Amino acid sequence: MNLDRAARFTASYALLRAAADVADHWVQSDHQAVTKGQHDHNDGQSSAAGRRACAAHVASYTATQAAALLAGTRLLGVRLRLVPTIAALALSATTHYIADRREPLRKLADATGKGNFVRLADHGMNGAYALDQAWHHAFETAAALIASA
C-alpha cells in the first residue's frame, strides 16, 4: 500500500467535500441558486441567464475548493502535484456545472428509472437534491483520486 498516496487521497477528499458544502450553501448567492437551472421558455433569455448564473456559481465553487486544497494540504504537510490537482478541479467543476443546470440530471434520472424519485418533494425528502448530492459526492471522490496521483 502506498501510504503517501492514501494520505493525499484522504486529505483531498475531505478538503474537497467540506469546501463543496461551504461553496454550495454559503458562498453561492441566492440569485445563482434560483437562476442556475433556468432553461428556455420560448424567450431565450432564461436559458442564457441560467448558464451565466451556473457558470458564476461554478467559478466560486471551484475557487473555494482550490483554496481549501491549497490551505489544507499545506497545514497537513501533504504535497499534491499541480497537474493532477488542476485535472481534479476541472472534473469537479465540469460535473458540478452539469448537475446544477438541473435538466441533465433530471433526464439521467428519467433514463435510469429514477424519474419519480427525482421529482419527490414530500415526506421530508427532496429527490432532486439527494440525487444532486450523490452525483457531487461521486465525482468529488473521483477528483480526490485524481489529485492523489
C-alpha atoms as a PDB file:
ATOM      1  CA  MET A   1       0.000   0.000   0.000  1.00  0.00           C
ATOM      2  CA  ASN A   2       1.256   3.461  -0.896  1.00  0.00           C
ATOM      3  CA  LEU A   3       0.688   5.398   2.329  1.00  0.00           C
ATOM      4  CA  ASP A   4       1.682   8.731   0.756  1.00  0.00           C
ATOM      5  CA  ARG A   5      -0.964   8.338  -1.928  1.00  0.00           C
ATOM      6  CA  ALA A   6      -3.523   7.199   0.641  1.00  0.00           C
ATOM      7  CA  ALA A   7      -2.783  10.305   2.722  1.00  0.00           C
ATOM      8  CA  ARG A   8      -3.094  12.532  -0.370  1.00  0.00           C
ATOM      9  CA  PHE A   9      -6.426  10.920  -1.263  1.00  0.00           C
ATOM     10  CA  THR A  10      -7.794  11.195   2.275  1.00  0.00           C
ATOM     11  CA  ALA A  11      -6.775  14.840   2.615  1.00  0.00           C
ATOM     12  CA  SER A  12      -8.002  15.705  -0.885  1.00  0.00           C
ATOM     13  CA  TYR A  13     -11.383  14.073  -0.398  1.00  0.00           C
ATOM     14  CA  ALA A  14     -12.022  15.643   2.999  1.00  0.00           C
ATOM     15  CA  LEU A  15     -10.994  19.087   1.778  1.00  0.00           C
ATOM     16  CA  LEU A  16     -12.951  18.863  -1.497  1.00  0.00           C
ATOM     17  CA  ARG A  17     -16.087  17.629   0.306  1.00  0.00           C
ATOM     18  CA  ALA A  18     -16.003  20.284   3.032  1.00  0.00           C
ATOM     19  CA  ALA A  19     -15.304  23.040   0.517  1.00  0.00           C
ATOM     20  CA  ALA A  20     -18.159  21.812  -1.681  1.00  0.00           C
ATOM     21  CA  ASP A  21     -20.665  22.169   1.149  1.00  0.00           C
ATOM     22  CA  VAL A  22     -19.375  25.631   2.036  1.00  0.00           C
ATOM     23  CA  ALA A  23     -19.412  26.726  -1.616  1.00  0.00           C
ATOM     24  CA  ASP A  24     -22.873  25.303  -2.321  1.00  0.00           C
ATOM     25  CA  HIS A  25     -24.594  26.509   0.825  1.00  0.00           C
ATOM     26  CA  TRP A  26     -22.705  29.639   1.958  1.00  0.00           C
ATOM     27  CA  VAL A  27     -20.707  31.074  -0.955  1.00  0.00           C
ATOM     28  CA  GLN A  28     -23.347  30.639  -3.663  1.00  0.00           C
ATOM     29  CA  SER A  29     -25.587  33.696  -3.964  1.00  0.00           C
ATOM     30  CA  ASP A  30     -29.361  33.474  -3.733  1.00  0.00           C
ATOM     31  CA  HIS A  31     -29.553  34.696  -7.337  1.00  0.00           C
ATOM     32  CA  GLN A  32     -27.259  31.887  -8.513  1.00  0.00           C
ATOM     33  CA  ALA A  33     -29.202  29.255  -6.584  1.00  0.00           C
ATOM     34  CA  VAL A  34     -32.544  30.384  -8.023  1.00  0.00           C
ATOM     35  CA  THR A  35     -31.380  31.107 -11.580  1.00  0.00           C
ATOM     36  CA  LYS A  36     -28.726  28.475 -12.437  1.00  0.00           C
ATOM     37  CA  GLY A  37     -31.225  25.837 -13.523  1.00  0.00           C
ATOM     38  CA  GLN A  38     -33.342  28.057 -15.790  1.00  0.00           C
ATOM     39  CA  HIS A  39     -33.887  26.863 -19.348  1.00  0.00           C
ATOM     40  CA  ASP A  40     -35.614  28.376 -22.383  1.00  0.00           C
ATOM     41  CA  HIS A  41     -39.279  29.170 -22.115  1.00  0.00           C
ATOM     42  CA  ASN A  42     -39.703  30.474 -25.666  1.00  0.00           C
ATOM     43  CA  ASP A  43     -37.889  33.744 -24.889  1.00  0.00           C
ATOM     44  CA  GLY A  44     -34.269  32.566 -24.979  1.00  0.00           C
ATOM     45  CA  GLN A  45     -33.386  34.836 -22.065  1.00  0.00           C
ATOM     46  CA  SER A  46     -33.894  32.456 -19.165  1.00  0.00           C
ATOM     47  CA  SER A  47     -31.515  29.885 -20.625  1.00  0.00           C
ATOM     48  CA  ALA A  48     -28.726  32.448 -21.038  1.00  0.00           C
ATOM     49  CA  ALA A  49     -29.357  33.768 -17.535  1.00  0.00           C
ATOM     50  CA  GLY A  50     -29.282  30.214 -16.206  1.00  0.00           C
ATOM     51  CA  ARG A  51     -25.984  29.442 -17.923  1.00  0.00           C
ATOM     52  CA  ARG A  52     -24.413  32.676 -16.624  1.00  0.00           C
ATOM     53  CA  ALA A  53     -25.614  32.100 -13.067  1.00  0.00           C
ATOM     54  CA  CYS A  54     -24.424  28.495 -13.124  1.00  0.00           C
ATOM     55  CA  ALA A  55     -21.024  29.471 -14.539  1.00  0.00           C
ATOM     56  CA  ALA A  56     -20.602  32.162 -11.848  1.00  0.00           C
ATOM     57  CA  HIS A  57     -21.559  29.659  -9.147  1.00  0.00           C
ATOM     58  CA  VAL A  58     -19.166  27.020 -10.504  1.00  0.00           C
ATOM     59  CA  ALA A  59     -16.357  29.593 -10.633  1.00  0.00           C
ATOM     60  CA  SER A  60     -16.792  30.462  -6.942  1.00  0.00           C
ATOM     61  CA  TYR A  61     -17.314  26.775  -6.100  1.00  0.00           C
ATOM     62  CA  THR A  62     -14.057  25.799  -7.821  1.00  0.00           C
ATOM     63  CA  ALA A  63     -12.172  28.695  -6.240  1.00  0.00           C
ATOM     64  CA  THR A  64     -13.425  27.580  -2.815  1.00  0.00           C
ATOM     65  CA  GLN A  65     -12.275  24.007  -3.459  1.00  0.00           C
ATOM     66  CA  ALA A  66      -8.885  25.203  -4.749  1.00  0.00           C
ATOM     67  CA  ALA A  67      -8.372  27.413  -1.695  1.00  0.00           C
ATOM     68  CA  ALA A  68      -9.305  24.556   0.630  1.00  0.00           C
ATOM     69  CA  LEU A  69      -6.891  22.185  -1.127  1.00  0.00           C
ATOM     70  CA  LEU A  70      -4.084  24.719  -1.054  1.00  0.00           C
ATOM     71  CA  ALA A  71      -4.505  25.765   2.568  1.00  0.00           C
ATOM     72  CA  GLY A  72      -5.487  22.355   3.923  1.00  0.00           C
ATOM     73  CA  THR A  73      -2.693  20.366   2.329  1.00  0.00           C
ATOM     74  CA  ARG A  74      -0.142  22.972   3.423  1.00  0.00           C
ATOM     75  CA  LEU A  75      -1.340  22.781   7.002  1.00  0.00           C
ATOM     76  CA  LEU A  76      -1.272  18.980   6.864  1.00  0.00           C
ATOM     77  CA  GLY A  77       2.111  18.846   5.159  1.00  0.00           C
ATOM     78  CA  VAL A  78       0.626  16.865   2.266  1.00  0.00           C
ATOM     79  CA  ARG A  79       2.097  17.647  -1.140  1.00  0.00           C
ATOM     80  CA  LEU A  80      -0.161  17.492  -4.184  1.00  0.00           C
ATOM     81  CA  ARG A  81       1.216  17.712  -7.707  1.00  0.00           C
ATOM     82  CA  LEU A  82      -0.041  20.638  -9.777  1.00  0.00           C
ATOM     83  CA  VAL A  83      -1.265  18.865 -12.939  1.00  0.00           C
ATOM     84  CA  PRO A  84      -3.352  16.175 -11.193  1.00  0.00           C
ATOM     85  CA  THR A  85      -4.794  18.827  -8.864  1.00  0.00           C
ATOM     86  CA  ILE A  86      -5.827  21.014 -11.807  1.00  0.00           C
ATOM     87  CA  ALA A  87      -7.350  17.962 -13.505  1.00  0.00           C
ATOM     88  CA  ALA A  88      -9.239  17.112 -10.302  1.00  0.00           C
ATOM     89  CA  LEU A  89     -10.629  20.640 -10.003  1.00  0.00           C
ATOM     90  CA  ALA A  90     -11.584  20.629 -13.697  1.00  0.00           C
ATOM     91  CA  LEU A  91     -13.510  17.364 -13.243  1.00  0.00           C
ATOM     92  CA  SER A  92     -15.261  18.722 -10.167  1.00  0.00           C
ATOM     93  CA  ALA A  93     -16.150  21.982 -11.923  1.00  0.00           C
ATOM     94  CA  THR A  94     -17.407  20.354 -15.114  1.00  0.00           C
ATOM     95  CA  THR A  95     -19.568  17.772 -13.388  1.00  0.00           C
ATOM     96  CA  HIS A  96     -20.852  20.378 -10.948  1.00  0.00           C
ATOM     97  CA  TYR A  97     -21.994  22.583 -13.834  1.00  0.00           C
ATOM     98  CA  ILE A  98     -23.749  19.642 -15.493  1.00  0.00           C
ATOM     99  CA  ALA A  99     -25.631  18.745 -12.320  1.00  0.00           C
ATOM    100  CA  ASP A 100     -26.510  22.305 -11.374  1.00  0.00           C
ATOM    101  CA  ARG A 101     -28.103  23.045 -14.732  1.00  0.00           C
ATOM    102  CA  ARG A 102     -30.670  20.548 -13.333  1.00  0.00           C
ATOM    103  CA  GLU A 103     -32.124  19.309 -16.617  1.00  0.00           C
ATOM    104  CA  PRO A 104     -29.251  16.881 -17.382  1.00  0.00           C
ATOM    105  CA  LEU A 105     -29.664  15.140 -14.013  1.00  0.00           C
ATOM    106  CA  ARG A 106     -33.442  15.062 -14.441  1.00  0.00           C
ATOM    107  CA  LYS A 107     -33.016  13.410 -17.843  1.00  0.00           C
ATOM    108  CA  LEU A 108     -30.491  10.927 -16.409  1.00  0.00           C
ATOM    109  CA  ALA A 109     -32.905  10.128 -13.577  1.00  0.00           C
ATOM    110  CA  ASP A 110     -35.711   9.539 -16.088  1.00  0.00           C
ATOM    111  CA  ALA A 111     -33.454   7.310 -18.225  1.00  0.00           C
ATOM    112  CA  THR A 112     -32.379   5.193 -15.254  1.00  0.00           C
ATOM    113  CA  GLY A 113     -35.806   4.667 -13.722  1.00  0.00           C
ATOM    114  CA  LYS A 114     -35.428   7.352 -11.030  1.00  0.00           C
ATOM    115  CA  GLY A 115     -37.957   9.739 -12.594  1.00  0.00           C
ATOM    116  CA  ASN A 116     -40.384   9.531  -9.685  1.00  0.00           C
ATOM    117  CA  PHE A 117     -37.630   9.891  -7.097  1.00  0.00           C
ATOM    118  CA  VAL A 118     -36.063  12.958  -8.746  1.00  0.00           C
ATOM    119  CA  ARG A 119     -39.446  14.704  -8.540  1.00  0.00           C
ATOM    120  CA  LEU A 120     -40.149  13.622  -4.948  1.00  0.00           C
ATOM    121  CA  ALA A 121     -40.670  16.626  -2.693  1.00  0.00           C
ATOM    122  CA  ASP A 122     -42.703  15.180   0.141  1.00  0.00           C
ATOM    123  CA  HIS A 123     -42.288  13.290   3.427  1.00  0.00           C
ATOM    124  CA  GLY A 124     -39.265  15.456   4.307  1.00  0.00           C
ATOM    125  CA  MET A 125     -37.463  14.347   1.123  1.00  0.00           C
ATOM    126  CA  ASN A 126     -36.272  16.176  -1.941  1.00  0.00           C
ATOM    127  CA  GLY A 127     -35.277  13.598  -4.520  1.00  0.00           C
ATOM    128  CA  ALA A 128     -33.628  16.100  -6.882  1.00  0.00           C
ATOM    129  CA  TYR A 129     -31.387  17.386  -4.089  1.00  0.00           C
ATOM    130  CA  ALA A 130     -30.500  13.864  -2.926  1.00  0.00           C
ATOM    131  CA  LEU A 131     -29.544  12.760  -6.462  1.00  0.00           C
ATOM    132  CA  ASP A 132     -27.628  16.029  -6.990  1.00  0.00           C
ATOM    133  CA  GLN A 133     -25.603  15.454  -3.838  1.00  0.00           C
ATOM    134  CA  ALA A 134     -24.926  11.803  -4.685  1.00  0.00           C
ATOM    135  CA  TRP A 135     -23.646  12.929  -8.124  1.00  0.00           C
ATOM    136  CA  HIS A 136     -21.365  15.531  -6.497  1.00  0.00           C
ATOM    137  CA  HIS A 137     -20.021  13.079  -3.915  1.00  0.00           C
ATOM    138  CA  ALA A 138     -19.206  10.509  -6.590  1.00  0.00           C
ATOM    139  CA  PHE A 139     -17.302  12.997  -8.725  1.00  0.00           C
ATOM    140  CA  GLU A 140     -15.539  14.555  -5.722  1.00  0.00           C
ATOM    141  CA  THR A 141     -14.305  11.050  -4.892  1.00  0.00           C
ATOM    142  CA  ALA A 142     -13.039  10.667  -8.458  1.00  0.00           C
ATOM    143  CA  ALA A 143     -11.444  14.129  -8.238  1.00  0.00           C
ATOM    144  CA  ALA A 144      -9.692  13.186  -4.988  1.00  0.00           C
ATOM    145  CA  LEU A 145      -8.364  10.024  -6.639  1.00  0.00           C
ATOM    146  CA  ILE A 146      -7.002  12.145  -9.488  1.00  0.00           C
ATOM    147  CA  ALA A 147      -5.494  14.728  -7.118  1.00  0.00           C
ATOM    148  CA  SER A 148      -3.769  11.987  -5.158  1.00  0.00           C
ATOM    149  CA  ALA A 149      -1.972  10.635  -8.247  1.00  0.00           C
END
